[in-house]
C-alpha atoms as a PDB file:
ATOM      1  CA  MET A   1       3.566  -0.439 -17.772  1.00  0.00           C
ATOM      2  CA  ASP A   2       2.700   3.583 -18.509  1.00  0.00           C
ATOM      3  CA  ASP A   3       3.094   5.272 -15.789  1.00  0.00           C
ATOM      4  CA  SER A   4      -0.438   7.472 -16.318  1.00  0.00           C
ATOM      5  CA  PRO A   5      -3.902   6.658 -14.017  1.00  0.00           C
ATOM      6  CA  VAL A   6      -5.408   5.510 -17.099  1.00  0.00           C
ATOM      7  CA  GLU A   7      -2.681   2.943 -18.351  1.00  0.00           C
ATOM      8  CA  LEU A   8      -3.011   2.080 -14.580  1.00  0.00           C
ATOM      9  CA  GLY A   9      -6.498   1.281 -15.118  1.00  0.00           C
ATOM     10  CA  LEU A  10      -8.162   3.746 -12.752  1.00  0.00           C
ATOM     11  CA  SER A  11     -10.411   6.245 -13.698  1.00  0.00           C
ATOM     12  CA  SER A  12      -9.060   9.141 -11.336  1.00  0.00           C
ATOM     13  CA  PRO A  13      -5.493   9.025  -9.365  1.00  0.00           C
ATOM     14  CA  TRP A  14      -6.913   8.895  -5.904  1.00  0.00           C
ATOM     15  CA  MET A  15      -7.031   6.044  -3.725  1.00  0.00           C
ATOM     16  CA  ASN A  16      -7.167   5.224  -0.185  1.00  0.00           C
ATOM     17  CA  ALA A  17      -4.498   3.300   1.742  1.00  0.00           C
ATOM     18  CA  ALA A  18      -4.571   0.043   2.787  1.00  0.00           C
ATOM     19  CA  GLY A  19      -5.488  -0.465   6.409  1.00  0.00           C
ATOM     20  CA  PHE A  20      -7.405   2.696   6.264  1.00  0.00           C
ATOM     21  CA  MET A  21     -11.267   1.454   5.195  1.00  0.00           C
ATOM     22  CA  GLY A  22     -11.468  -2.229   5.250  1.00  0.00           C
ATOM     23  CA  TYR A  23     -11.941  -5.080   2.985  1.00  0.00           C
ATOM     24  CA  LEU A  24     -14.717  -2.989   1.163  1.00  0.00           C
ATOM     25  CA  PRO A  25     -15.261   0.664   0.319  1.00  0.00           C
ATOM     26  CA  GLN A  26     -16.720   2.622   2.752  1.00  0.00           C
ATOM     27  CA  HIS A  27     -19.064   5.706   2.395  1.00  0.00           C
ATOM     28  CA  LEU A  28     -17.055   8.593   3.401  1.00  0.00           C
ATOM     29  CA  ALA A  29     -18.731  11.681   4.132  1.00  0.00           C
ATOM     30  CA  GLY A  30     -17.685  14.704   2.633  1.00  0.00           C
ATOM     31  CA  GLN A  31     -14.694  12.997   0.883  1.00  0.00           C
ATOM     32  CA  ALA A  32     -12.518  15.772  -1.202  1.00  0.00           C
ATOM     33  CA  PHE A  33     -11.443  13.034  -3.648  1.00  0.00           C
ATOM     34  CA  THR A  34     -13.097  10.706  -5.808  1.00  0.00           C
ATOM     35  CA  PRO A  35     -11.676   7.334  -6.014  1.00  0.00           C
ATOM     36  CA  GLY A  36     -10.092   5.625  -9.345  1.00  0.00           C
ATOM     37  CA  ALA A  37      -9.518   1.854  -6.736  1.00  0.00           C
ATOM     38  CA  PHE A  38      -9.935   0.523  -4.022  1.00  0.00           C
ATOM     39  CA  VAL A  39      -7.089  -0.884  -1.805  1.00  0.00           C
ATOM     40  CA  THR A  40      -7.817  -3.780   0.416  1.00  0.00           C
ATOM     41  CA  ASN A  41      -6.865  -4.004   4.146  1.00  0.00           C
ATOM     42  CA  PRO A  42      -3.384  -6.157   4.380  1.00  0.00           C
ATOM     43  CA  VAL A  43      -4.394  -9.609   3.862  1.00  0.00           C
ATOM     44  CA  SER A  44      -2.009 -13.079   4.720  1.00  0.00           C
ATOM     45  CA  LEU A  45      -1.890 -16.708   3.732  1.00  0.00           C
ATOM     46  CA  LEU A  46      -3.128 -17.492   7.104  1.00  0.00           C
ATOM     47  CA  PRO A  47      -5.049 -15.800   9.733  1.00  0.00           C
ATOM     48  CA  ARG A  48      -3.067 -13.648  11.864  1.00  0.00           C
ATOM     49  CA  SER A  49      -4.621 -11.869  15.498  1.00  0.00           C
ATOM     50  CA  PRO A  50      -4.079  -8.456  16.598  1.00  0.00           C
ATOM     51  CA  ALA A  51      -0.238  -7.469  17.923  1.00  0.00           C
ATOM     52  CA  HIS A  52      -0.152  -8.045  22.166  1.00  0.00           C
ATOM     53  CA  ASN A  53       0.844  -4.459  22.069  1.00  0.00           C
ATOM     54  CA  HIS A  54      -1.416  -2.942  19.334  1.00  0.00           C
ATOM     55  CA  GLY A  55      -2.234   1.031  19.930  1.00  0.00           C
ATOM     56  CA  VAL A  56      -2.128   3.858  18.714  1.00  0.00           C
ATOM     57  CA  VAL A  57      -0.135   6.963  19.885  1.00  0.00           C
ATOM     58  CA  ALA A  58      -0.547  10.888  18.572  1.00  0.00           C
ATOM     59  CA  TYR A  59       2.546  13.406  18.109  1.00  0.00           C
ATOM     60  CA  PRO A  60       2.833  16.370  16.729  1.00  0.00           C
ATOM     61  CA  GLY A  61       2.469  16.381  12.878  1.00  0.00           C
ATOM     62  CA  GLY A  62       0.361  13.063  13.067  1.00  0.00           C
ATOM     63  CA  PHE A  63       0.200   9.647  14.892  1.00  0.00           C
ATOM     64  CA  LEU A  64       2.095   6.517  15.352  1.00  0.00           C
ATOM     65  CA  LEU A  65      -0.478   3.334  14.988  1.00  0.00           C
ATOM     66  CA  HIS A  66       0.256  -0.072  15.801  1.00  0.00           C
ATOM     67  CA  THR A  67      -1.984  -3.547  14.842  1.00  0.00           C
ATOM     68  CA  GLY A  68      -0.357  -6.472  13.461  1.00  0.00           C
ATOM     69  CA  HIS A  69      -2.710  -6.850  10.965  1.00  0.00           C
ATOM     70  CA  PRO A  70      -5.464  -8.780  12.446  1.00  0.00           C
ATOM     71  CA  ASN A  71      -7.141 -10.802   9.590  1.00  0.00           C
ATOM     72  CA  PRO A  72      -8.686 -13.725   8.787  1.00  0.00           C
ATOM     73  CA  GLY A  73      -6.241 -15.435   5.792  1.00  0.00           C
ATOM     74  CA  LEU A  74      -6.707 -14.580   2.301  1.00  0.00           C
ATOM     75  CA  LYS A  75      -9.273 -17.552   1.440  1.00  0.00           C
ATOM     76  CA  SER A  76     -11.669 -16.386   4.623  1.00  0.00           C
ATOM     77  CA  VAL A  77     -11.354 -12.726   2.737  1.00  0.00           C
ATOM     78  CA  ILE A  78     -12.127 -14.303  -0.806  1.00  0.00           C
ATOM     79  CA  LYS A  79     -15.078 -16.368   0.247  1.00  0.00           C
ATOM     80  CA  SER A  80     -16.530 -12.849   1.809  1.00  0.00           C
ATOM     81  CA  TYR A  81     -15.382 -10.023  -0.564  1.00  0.00           C
ATOM     82  CA  ALA A  82     -14.552 -11.883  -3.718  1.00  0.00           C
ATOM     83  CA  HIS A  83     -18.294 -11.609  -4.873  1.00  0.00           C
ATOM     84  CA  LYS A  84     -18.889  -7.912  -3.427  1.00  0.00           C
ATOM     85  CA  TRP A  85     -15.645  -7.109  -5.323  1.00  0.00           C
ATOM     86  CA  ARG A  86     -16.681  -8.209  -8.502  1.00  0.00           C
ATOM     87  CA  ASN A  87     -19.593  -5.551  -8.348  1.00  0.00           C
ATOM     88  CA  LEU A  88     -18.299  -2.788  -7.493  1.00  0.00           C
ATOM     89  CA  VAL A  89     -17.644   0.395  -9.936  1.00  0.00           C
ATOM     90  CA  MET A  90     -13.945   0.755  -9.107  1.00  0.00           C
ATOM     91  CA  PRO A  91     -11.114  -2.255  -9.118  1.00  0.00           C
ATOM     92  CA  VAL A  92      -9.688  -3.705  -6.734  1.00  0.00           C
ATOM     93  CA  TRP A  93      -6.337  -3.725  -5.594  1.00  0.00           C
ATOM     94  CA  VAL A  94      -5.232  -6.799  -3.072  1.00  0.00           C
ATOM     95  CA  TYR A  95      -2.913  -5.384  -0.907  1.00  0.00           C
ATOM     96  CA  LEU A  96      -0.697  -9.171   0.722  1.00  0.00           C
ATOM     97  CA  MET A  97       1.621  -9.742   3.268  1.00  0.00           C
ATOM     98  CA  VAL A  98       4.207 -12.566   2.620  1.00  0.00           C
ATOM     99  CA  THR A  99       7.137 -13.793   4.123  1.00  0.00           C
ATOM    100  CA  THR A 100       8.063 -16.378   1.692  1.00  0.00           C
ATOM    101  CA  THR A 101       8.104 -17.376  -1.844  1.00  0.00           C
ATOM    102  CA  TYR A 102       6.097 -19.988  -1.152  1.00  0.00           C
ATOM    103  CA  ASP A 103       3.168 -17.849   0.789  1.00  0.00           C
ATOM    104  CA  CYS A 104       3.184 -15.231  -2.399  1.00  0.00           C
ATOM    105  CA  GLN A 105       3.200 -17.635  -5.025  1.00  0.00           C
ATOM    106  CA  GLN A 106      -0.016 -19.258  -2.811  1.00  0.00           C
ATOM    107  CA  MET A 107      -1.840 -15.979  -2.832  1.00  0.00           C
ATOM    108  CA  VAL A 108      -1.451 -15.289  -6.228  1.00  0.00           C
ATOM    109  CA  LEU A 109      -2.823 -18.020  -7.769  1.00  0.00           C
ATOM    110  CA  GLU A 110      -5.969 -17.659  -5.503  1.00  0.00           C
ATOM    111  CA  LEU A 111      -6.493 -13.974  -6.609  1.00  0.00           C
ATOM    112  CA  GLU A 112      -5.632 -14.228 -10.223  1.00  0.00           C
ATOM    113  CA  GLY A 113      -8.828 -15.064 -12.065  1.00  0.00           C
ATOM    114  CA  LEU A 114     -10.731 -12.950 -10.061  1.00  0.00           C
ATOM    115  CA  GLU A 115     -13.402 -10.491 -11.798  1.00  0.00           C
ATOM    116  CA  ASN A 116     -12.370  -6.899 -10.815  1.00  0.00           C
ATOM    117  CA  VAL A 117      -9.113  -7.584  -8.792  1.00  0.00           C
ATOM    118  CA  THR A 118      -7.116  -5.742 -11.285  1.00  0.00           C
ATOM    119  CA  ALA A 119      -3.620  -5.055  -9.257  1.00  0.00           C
ATOM    120  CA  LEU A 120      -1.665  -6.624  -6.380  1.00  0.00           C
ATOM    121  CA  GLU A 121       0.430  -4.451  -3.487  1.00  0.00           C
ATOM    122  CA  LEU A 122       2.752  -6.272  -2.177  1.00  0.00           C
ATOM    123  CA  GLY A 123       4.114  -6.035   1.736  1.00  0.00           C
ATOM    124  CA  LEU A 124       7.457  -7.225   2.728  1.00  0.00           C
ATOM    125  CA  PRO A 125       8.414  -7.842   6.374  1.00  0.00           C
ATOM    126  CA  PRO A 126      11.123  -5.223   7.602  1.00  0.00           C
ATOM    127  CA  GLY A 127      14.707  -6.514   7.542  1.00  0.00           C
ATOM    128  CA  MET A 128      15.000  -8.441   4.634  1.00  0.00           C
ATOM    129  CA  SER A 129      17.659  -9.070   2.384  1.00  0.00           C
ATOM    130  CA  LEU A 130      17.887  -7.281  -1.036  1.00  0.00           C
ATOM    131  CA  LYS A 131      18.071 -10.988  -2.330  1.00  0.00           C
ATOM    132  CA  LYS A 132      14.970 -12.249  -0.860  1.00  0.00           C
ATOM    133  CA  GLN A 133      12.982  -9.392  -1.311  1.00  0.00           C
ATOM    134  CA  VAL A 134      14.012  -9.860  -5.462  1.00  0.00           C
ATOM    135  CA  GLU A 135      12.978 -13.205  -5.470  1.00  0.00           C
ATOM    136  CA  ILE A 136       9.779 -13.003  -3.568  1.00  0.00           C
ATOM    137  CA  ILE A 137       8.565  -9.778  -6.073  1.00  0.00           C
ATOM    138  CA  GLN A 138       9.504 -12.005  -8.915  1.00  0.00           C
ATOM    139  CA  SER A 139       7.198 -14.567  -7.360  1.00  0.00           C
ATOM    140  CA  ALA A 140       4.517 -12.414  -7.412  1.00  0.00           C
ATOM    141  CA  VAL A 141       4.734 -11.392 -10.971  1.00  0.00           C
ATOM    142  CA  GLY A 142       2.335 -13.281 -13.120  1.00  0.00           C
ATOM    143  CA  GLU A 143      -1.008 -12.055 -14.711  1.00  0.00           C
ATOM    144  CA  LEU A 144      -1.329  -9.447 -12.300  1.00  0.00           C
ATOM    145  CA  PRO A 145       0.266  -5.998 -12.083  1.00  0.00           C
ATOM    146  CA  VAL A 146       2.784  -5.770  -9.192  1.00  0.00           C
ATOM    147  CA  PHE A 147       3.162  -2.649  -6.386  1.00  0.00           C
ATOM    148  CA  VAL A 148       6.029  -3.295  -3.979  1.00  0.00           C
ATOM    149  CA  SER A 149       5.273  -1.199  -0.908  1.00  0.00           C
ATOM    150  CA  LEU A 150       8.167   0.413   0.334  1.00  0.00           C
ATOM    151  CA  PRO A 151       8.144   2.638   3.302  1.00  0.00           C
ATOM    152  CA  LEU A 152      10.166   6.019   3.258  1.00  0.00           C
ATOM    153  CA  ASP A 153      12.601   4.570   5.748  1.00  0.00           C
ATOM    154  CA  GLU A 154      13.140   1.584   3.364  1.00  0.00           C
ATOM    155  CA  VAL A 155      13.212   2.688   0.040  1.00  0.00           C
ATOM    156  CA  ASP A 156      16.601   0.929  -1.536  1.00  0.00           C
ATOM    157  CA  ARG A 157      17.852   2.175  -4.932  1.00  0.00           C
ATOM    158  CA  ASN A 158      19.218  -0.956  -5.316  1.00  0.00           C
ATOM    159  CA  LEU A 159      15.981  -2.839  -5.346  1.00  0.00           C
ATOM    160  CA  VAL A 160      14.121  -0.067  -7.306  1.00  0.00           C
ATOM    161  CA  ASP A 161      16.384  -0.478 -10.104  1.00  0.00           C
ATOM    162  CA  GLN A 162      15.698  -3.696 -10.499  1.00  0.00           C
ATOM    163  CA  LEU A 163      12.222  -4.217 -10.267  1.00  0.00           C
ATOM    164  CA  PRO A 164      11.690  -2.959 -14.167  1.00  0.00           C
ATOM    165  CA  ALA A 165      13.389  -5.983 -15.852  1.00  0.00           C
ATOM    166  CA  LEU A 166      10.705  -7.962 -13.470  1.00  0.00           C
ATOM    167  CA  GLY A 167       7.933  -7.159 -15.685  1.00  0.00           C
ATOM    168  CA  GLU A 168       4.677  -5.144 -14.843  1.00  0.00           C
ATOM    169  CA  VAL A 169       5.851  -3.679 -11.144  1.00  0.00           C
ATOM    170  CA  GLY A 170       5.545  -0.563  -9.944  1.00  0.00           C
ATOM    171  CA  VAL A 171       6.092   1.589  -5.983  1.00  0.00           C
ATOM    172  CA  VAL A 172       4.201   2.569  -3.281  1.00  0.00           C
ATOM    173  CA  LEU A 173       5.700   4.953  -1.381  1.00  0.00           C
ATOM    174  CA  THR A 174       4.611   4.346   2.230  1.00  0.00           C
ATOM    175  CA  ALA A 175       4.554   5.427   6.104  1.00  0.00           C
ATOM    176  CA  PRO A 176       7.528   4.632   7.620  1.00  0.00           C
ATOM    177  CA  ARG A 177       8.345   2.966  11.147  1.00  0.00           C
ATOM    178  CA  GLY A 178       9.193   4.235  14.303  1.00  0.00           C
ATOM    179  CA  VAL A 179       9.288   4.281  17.746  1.00  0.00           C
ATOM    180  CA  ILE A 180       7.163   6.780  20.405  1.00  0.00           C
ATOM    181  CA  LYS A 181       7.950   6.197  24.296  1.00  0.00           C
ATOM    182  CA  LYS A 182       4.975   7.484  26.246  1.00  0.00           C
ATOM    183  CA  ASP A 183       3.926   6.920  29.538  1.00  0.00           C
ATOM    184  CA  GLY A 184       6.983   4.480  30.511  1.00  0.00           C
ATOM    185  CA  ARG A 185       5.493   2.372  27.362  1.00  0.00           C
ATOM    186  CA  THR A 186       7.702   1.937  24.173  1.00  0.00           C
ATOM    187  CA  LEU A 187       5.400   2.083  21.258  1.00  0.00           C
ATOM    188  CA  SER A 188       6.755   0.910  17.493  1.00  0.00           C
ATOM    189  CA  GLY A 189       4.491   0.961  14.798  1.00  0.00           C
ATOM    190  CA  ARG A 190       3.994   2.857  11.487  1.00  0.00           C
ATOM    191  CA  LEU A 191       4.252   6.938  11.290  1.00  0.00           C
ATOM    192  CA  PHE A 192       1.674   8.795   9.638  1.00  0.00           C
ATOM    193  CA  GLY A 193       0.546  12.457   9.225  1.00  0.00           C
ATOM    194  CA  PRO A 194       1.192  15.482   7.186  1.00  0.00           C
ATOM    195  CA  SER A 195       4.066  16.251   8.588  1.00  0.00           C
ATOM    196  CA  LEU A 196       5.528  13.083   6.258  1.00  0.00           C
ATOM    197  CA  TYR A 197       4.832  14.821   3.407  1.00  0.00           C
ATOM    198  CA  PRO A 198       8.801  16.052   2.483  1.00  0.00           C
ATOM    199  CA  GLN A 199      10.039  13.018   3.393  1.00  0.00           C
ATOM    200  CA  MET A 200       7.676  11.579   0.808  1.00  0.00           C
ATOM    201  CA  MET A 201       8.284  14.400  -2.098  1.00  0.00           C
ATOM    202  CA  THR A 202      11.688  13.863  -1.271  1.00  0.00           C
ATOM    203  CA  ALA A 203      11.949  10.401  -1.994  1.00  0.00           C
ATOM    204  CA  LEU A 204       9.476  10.116  -5.112  1.00  0.00           C
ATOM    205  CA  SER A 205      11.790  12.903  -6.399  1.00  0.00           C
ATOM    206  CA  ARG A 206      14.407  10.398  -6.019  1.00  0.00           C
ATOM    207  CA  LEU A 207      12.578   7.905  -7.806  1.00  0.00           C
ATOM    208  CA  ARG A 208      12.769  10.174 -11.122  1.00  0.00           C
ATOM    209  CA  GLY A 209      14.002   8.333 -13.930  1.00  0.00           C
ATOM    210  CA  ALA A 210      13.966   4.619 -12.340  1.00  0.00           C
ATOM    211  CA  GLY A 211      11.360   3.553 -15.312  1.00  0.00           C
ATOM    212  CA  LEU A 212       8.459   2.769 -13.261  1.00  0.00           C
ATOM    213  CA  PRO A 213       5.392   3.946 -11.915  1.00  0.00           C
ATOM    214  CA  VAL A 214       5.047   5.243  -8.316  1.00  0.00           C
ATOM    215  CA  VAL A 215       2.362   6.113  -6.186  1.00  0.00           C
ATOM    216  CA  ALA A 216       2.647   7.944  -3.254  1.00  0.00           C
ATOM    217  CA  ALA A 217       0.817   7.057  -0.226  1.00  0.00           C
ATOM    218  CA  CYS A 218       1.848   9.061   2.879  1.00  0.00           C
ATOM    219  CA  GLY A 219       1.455  12.387   4.209  1.00  0.00           C
ATOM    220  CA  ILE A 220      -1.184  13.302   1.776  1.00  0.00           C
ATOM    221  CA  PHE A 221      -3.558  15.391   3.626  1.00  0.00           C
ATOM    222  CA  SER A 222      -4.976  17.861   1.491  1.00  0.00           C
ATOM    223  CA  ILE A 223      -5.899  17.878  -2.341  1.00  0.00           C
ATOM    224  CA  GLU A 224      -3.512  20.398  -2.730  1.00  0.00           C
ATOM    225  CA  GLN A 225      -0.706  18.062  -1.391  1.00  0.00           C
ATOM    226  CA  GLY A 226      -2.203  15.370  -3.755  1.00  0.00           C
ATOM    227  CA  GLN A 227      -1.622  17.308  -6.735  1.00  0.00           C
ATOM    228  CA  GLY A 228       1.870  18.579  -6.215  1.00  0.00           C
ATOM    229  CA  ALA A 229       2.594  14.840  -6.007  1.00  0.00           C
ATOM    230  CA  LEU A 230       1.238  14.435  -9.064  1.00  0.00           C
ATOM    231  CA  SER A 231       2.889  17.229 -10.431  1.00  0.00           C
ATOM    232  CA  SER A 232       6.177  15.846  -9.137  1.00  0.00           C
ATOM    233  CA  GLY A 233       6.071  12.418 -11.195  1.00  0.00           C
ATOM    234  CA  ALA A 234       3.579  10.430  -9.186  1.00  0.00           C
ATOM    235  CA  SER A 235       1.297   8.040 -11.117  1.00  0.00           C
ATOM    236  CA  ALA A 236      -1.040   8.081  -8.414  1.00  0.00           C
ATOM    237  CA  ILE A 237      -2.023   8.854  -4.836  1.00  0.00           C
ATOM    238  CA  GLN A 238      -3.178   6.553  -1.743  1.00  0.00           C
ATOM    239  CA  VAL A 239      -4.804   8.702   1.311  1.00  0.00           C
ATOM    240  CA  ASP A 240      -4.011   7.100   4.521  1.00  0.00           C
ATOM    241  CA  GLY A 241      -4.805   9.083   7.807  1.00  0.00           C
ATOM    242  CA  TRP A 242      -6.386  11.442   5.785  1.00  0.00           C
ATOM    243  CA  CYS A 243      -9.243   9.384   5.491  1.00  0.00           C
ATOM    244  CA  TRP A 244     -10.664   8.817   8.879  1.00  0.00           C
ATOM    245  CA  GLN A 245     -11.187  12.844   8.933  1.00  0.00           C
ATOM    246  CA  PHE A 246     -14.340  12.218   6.722  1.00  0.00           C
END
């Protein structure tokens, strides 16, 4: 897999990050970038309800968000959106939440062959062993390129070094997890904000020479930051919390 935006099927290296635009692109007034692809909200094989302790907490430099990724399940998403994805002017990357090889294989089979779905982004649960991670990623490799979502706090070079041998596989450097205590309440979730940019750039530099495309997908809150990531080796950019400012 070539690591240029054109070879990734993108007319522009800019995209939204999963979870920030729903299942269809939204019109963003004053949007500063032209998207080259659309990344869907996370979707699981079966429906998921919101997390019991969902919420958002601001902190200096960003915010913590915890939702549990509620969604109606893959079959319902395909039924509602596949025909709309087909008519989009940009390609669609579907973000899959998987926990087993069975879930992964079933979801990939449902998506292969859908018109204008050109890649899959794979989200793995935290704490999974290296062996299990590799097994699930292998089960996803097929007709569509697979991009493995790796939070900054879980970038394991032992895993990354095994990915080129699996086929058309890349990495997406995503928001890390964290914990905040406020008003006597402890909330865990993903951390978003411009304060993550130096950590993302560090992770990006460590993956140079890994032999696979890397998408910078957190800490980007300006055109200059995105261009800095691209000039440092990122194949593409995903924008998360910055989308909401538009």
